[in-house]
Amino acid sequence: MGCFRTMAEIGEWRHMSDNQHSNKIGQIKGIRSTHSCSQCGKPAYCDISAGKSTCWCFELSKRNTSAIKSGACLCRECLSALPLLD
């Protein structure tokens, strides 16, 4: 929650190279971005937009996105701030 990494990313962290750490931190902080967050407007990173078949957000506990426009892609901070679904 505090570092905005997913559980899978935390688990893989010790197996990653320094370059992979830098890339992941860049994605999380918006230094490497694929779009602007539709909620806050800050740079954000989407694995699907970057050509992967899944995204980091698929690994998170489901959030209440009912107030978000359908298809909107949020940054890790904004998505993490949404309430969890029951």
C-alpha atoms as a PDB file:
ATOM      1  CA  MET A   1       0.000   0.000   0.000  1.00  0.00           C
ATOM      2  CA  GLY A   2       2.641   2.553   0.980  1.00  0.00           C
ATOM      3  CA  CYS A   3       5.024   1.803  -1.884  1.00  0.00           C
ATOM      4  CA  PHE A   4       2.192   1.052  -4.375  1.00  0.00           C
ATOM      5  CA  ARG A   5       3.835  -2.226  -5.464  1.00  0.00           C
ATOM      6  CA  THR A   6       1.587  -5.244  -5.923  1.00  0.00           C
ATOM      7  CA  MET A   7       2.118  -8.361  -3.827  1.00  0.00           C
ATOM      8  CA  ALA A   8       3.592 -10.104  -6.888  1.00  0.00           C
ATOM      9  CA  GLU A   9       6.047  -7.240  -7.423  1.00  0.00           C
ATOM     10  CA  ILE A  10       7.073  -7.335  -3.768  1.00  0.00           C
ATOM     11  CA  GLY A  11       7.591 -11.096  -3.994  1.00  0.00           C
ATOM     12  CA  GLU A  12       9.677 -10.798  -7.169  1.00  0.00           C
ATOM     13  CA  TRP A  13      11.684  -7.793  -5.955  1.00  0.00           C
ATOM     14  CA  ARG A  14      14.639  -9.729  -4.578  1.00  0.00           C
ATOM     15  CA  HIS A  15      15.014 -11.605  -7.883  1.00  0.00           C
ATOM     16  CA  MET A  16      15.039  -8.439  -9.974  1.00  0.00           C
ATOM     17  CA  SER A  17      18.137  -6.669 -11.269  1.00  0.00           C
ATOM     18  CA  ASP A  18      18.964  -3.068 -10.408  1.00  0.00           C
ATOM     19  CA  ASN A  19      17.768  -2.080 -13.887  1.00  0.00           C
ATOM     20  CA  GLN A  20      14.444  -3.863 -13.343  1.00  0.00           C
ATOM     21  CA  HIS A  21      14.095  -2.110  -9.969  1.00  0.00           C
ATOM     22  CA  SER A  22      14.685   1.258 -11.641  1.00  0.00           C
ATOM     23  CA  ASN A  23      12.146   0.502 -14.377  1.00  0.00           C
ATOM     24  CA  LYS A  24       9.496  -0.580 -11.863  1.00  0.00           C
ATOM     25  CA  ILE A  25      10.082   2.461  -9.650  1.00  0.00           C
ATOM     26  CA  GLY A  26       9.829   4.641 -12.758  1.00  0.00           C
ATOM     27  CA  GLN A  27       6.479   3.065 -13.627  1.00  0.00           C
ATOM     28  CA  ILE A  28       5.150   3.517 -10.097  1.00  0.00           C
ATOM     29  CA  LYS A  29       6.287   7.150  -9.835  1.00  0.00           C
ATOM     30  CA  GLY A  30       5.094   8.045 -13.335  1.00  0.00           C
ATOM     31  CA  ILE A  31       8.607   8.695 -14.661  1.00  0.00           C
ATOM     32  CA  ARG A  32       7.860   5.970 -17.222  1.00  0.00           C
ATOM     33  CA  SER A  33       4.273   6.454 -18.334  1.00  0.00           C
ATOM     34  CA  THR A  34       1.857   5.283 -20.982  1.00  0.00           C
ATOM     35  CA  HIS A  35      -0.907   7.809 -20.291  1.00  0.00           C
ATOM     36  CA  SER A  36      -2.260  10.366 -17.835  1.00  0.00           C
ATOM     37  CA  CYS A  37      -4.377   9.168 -14.933  1.00  0.00           C
ATOM     38  CA  SER A  38      -8.002   9.901 -15.764  1.00  0.00           C
ATOM     39  CA  GLN A  39      -8.639  10.973 -12.168  1.00  0.00           C
ATOM     40  CA  CYS A  40      -5.669  13.133 -11.109  1.00  0.00           C
ATOM     41  CA  GLY A  41      -4.048  13.823 -14.494  1.00  0.00           C
ATOM     42  CA  LYS A  42      -0.576  12.728 -13.367  1.00  0.00           C
ATOM     43  CA  PRO A  43       1.542  10.387 -15.515  1.00  0.00           C
ATOM     44  CA  ALA A  44       0.575   6.730 -15.080  1.00  0.00           C
ATOM     45  CA  TYR A  45       1.713   3.368 -16.415  1.00  0.00           C
ATOM     46  CA  CYS A  46      -0.503   0.630 -17.862  1.00  0.00           C
ATOM     47  CA  ASP A  47       1.054  -2.730 -18.734  1.00  0.00           C
ATOM     48  CA  ILE A  48      -1.622  -3.380 -21.380  1.00  0.00           C
ATOM     49  CA  SER A  49      -0.912  -0.043 -23.071  1.00  0.00           C
ATOM     50  CA  ALA A  50       2.756  -1.059 -22.987  1.00  0.00           C
ATOM     51  CA  GLY A  51       1.936  -4.237 -24.947  1.00  0.00           C
ATOM     52  CA  LYS A  52       1.438  -6.860 -22.237  1.00  0.00           C
ATOM     53  CA  SER A  53      -1.627  -9.103 -21.993  1.00  0.00           C
ATOM     54  CA  THR A  54      -2.356  -8.260 -18.327  1.00  0.00           C
ATOM     55  CA  CYS A  55      -1.802  -5.259 -16.100  1.00  0.00           C
ATOM     56  CA  TRP A  56      -0.491  -4.754 -12.564  1.00  0.00           C
ATOM     57  CA  CYS A  57      -3.972  -3.599 -11.538  1.00  0.00           C
ATOM     58  CA  PHE A  58      -5.373  -7.103 -12.174  1.00  0.00           C
ATOM     59  CA  GLU A  59      -3.413  -8.265  -9.103  1.00  0.00           C
ATOM     60  CA  LEU A  60      -5.021  -5.817  -6.678  1.00  0.00           C
ATOM     61  CA  SER A  61      -7.972  -6.448  -4.407  1.00  0.00           C
ATOM     62  CA  LYS A  62     -11.083  -5.293  -6.220  1.00  0.00           C
ATOM     63  CA  ARG A  63     -11.921  -1.632  -5.676  1.00  0.00           C
ATOM     64  CA  ASN A  64     -15.195   0.253  -5.971  1.00  0.00           C
ATOM     65  CA  THR A  65     -14.775   1.918  -9.348  1.00  0.00           C
ATOM     66  CA  SER A  66     -18.474   2.755  -9.779  1.00  0.00           C
ATOM     67  CA  ALA A  67     -17.727   6.500  -9.736  1.00  0.00           C
ATOM     68  CA  ILE A  68     -15.051   6.143 -12.432  1.00  0.00           C
ATOM     69  CA  LYS A  69     -15.885   6.386 -16.141  1.00  0.00           C
ATOM     70  CA  SER A  70     -15.917   2.959 -17.810  1.00  0.00           C
ATOM     71  CA  GLY A  71     -12.575   2.123 -19.378  1.00  0.00           C
ATOM     72  CA  ALA A  72     -10.734   4.801 -17.411  1.00  0.00           C
ATOM     73  CA  CYS A  73      -7.218   3.890 -16.343  1.00  0.00           C
ATOM     74  CA  LEU A  74      -5.981   5.231 -13.013  1.00  0.00           C
ATOM     75  CA  CYS A  75      -2.518   5.643 -11.546  1.00  0.00           C
ATOM     76  CA  ARG A  76      -1.517   3.391  -8.660  1.00  0.00           C
ATOM     77  CA  GLU A  77      -2.090   6.107  -6.071  1.00  0.00           C
ATOM     78  CA  CYS A  78      -5.620   6.959  -7.219  1.00  0.00           C
ATOM     79  CA  LEU A  79      -6.623   3.297  -7.637  1.00  0.00           C
ATOM     80  CA  SER A  80      -5.242   2.436  -4.196  1.00  0.00           C
ATOM     81  CA  ALA A  81      -7.266   5.272  -2.638  1.00  0.00           C
ATOM     82  CA  LEU A  82     -10.595   3.831  -3.820  1.00  0.00           C
ATOM     83  CA  PRO A  83     -12.562   1.812  -1.249  1.00  0.00           C
ATOM     84  CA  LEU A  84     -12.322  -1.967  -1.349  1.00  0.00           C
ATOM     85  CA  LEU A  85     -15.342  -3.944  -2.493  1.00  0.00           C
ATOM     86  CA  ASP A  86     -16.911  -6.227   0.080  1.00  0.00           C
END
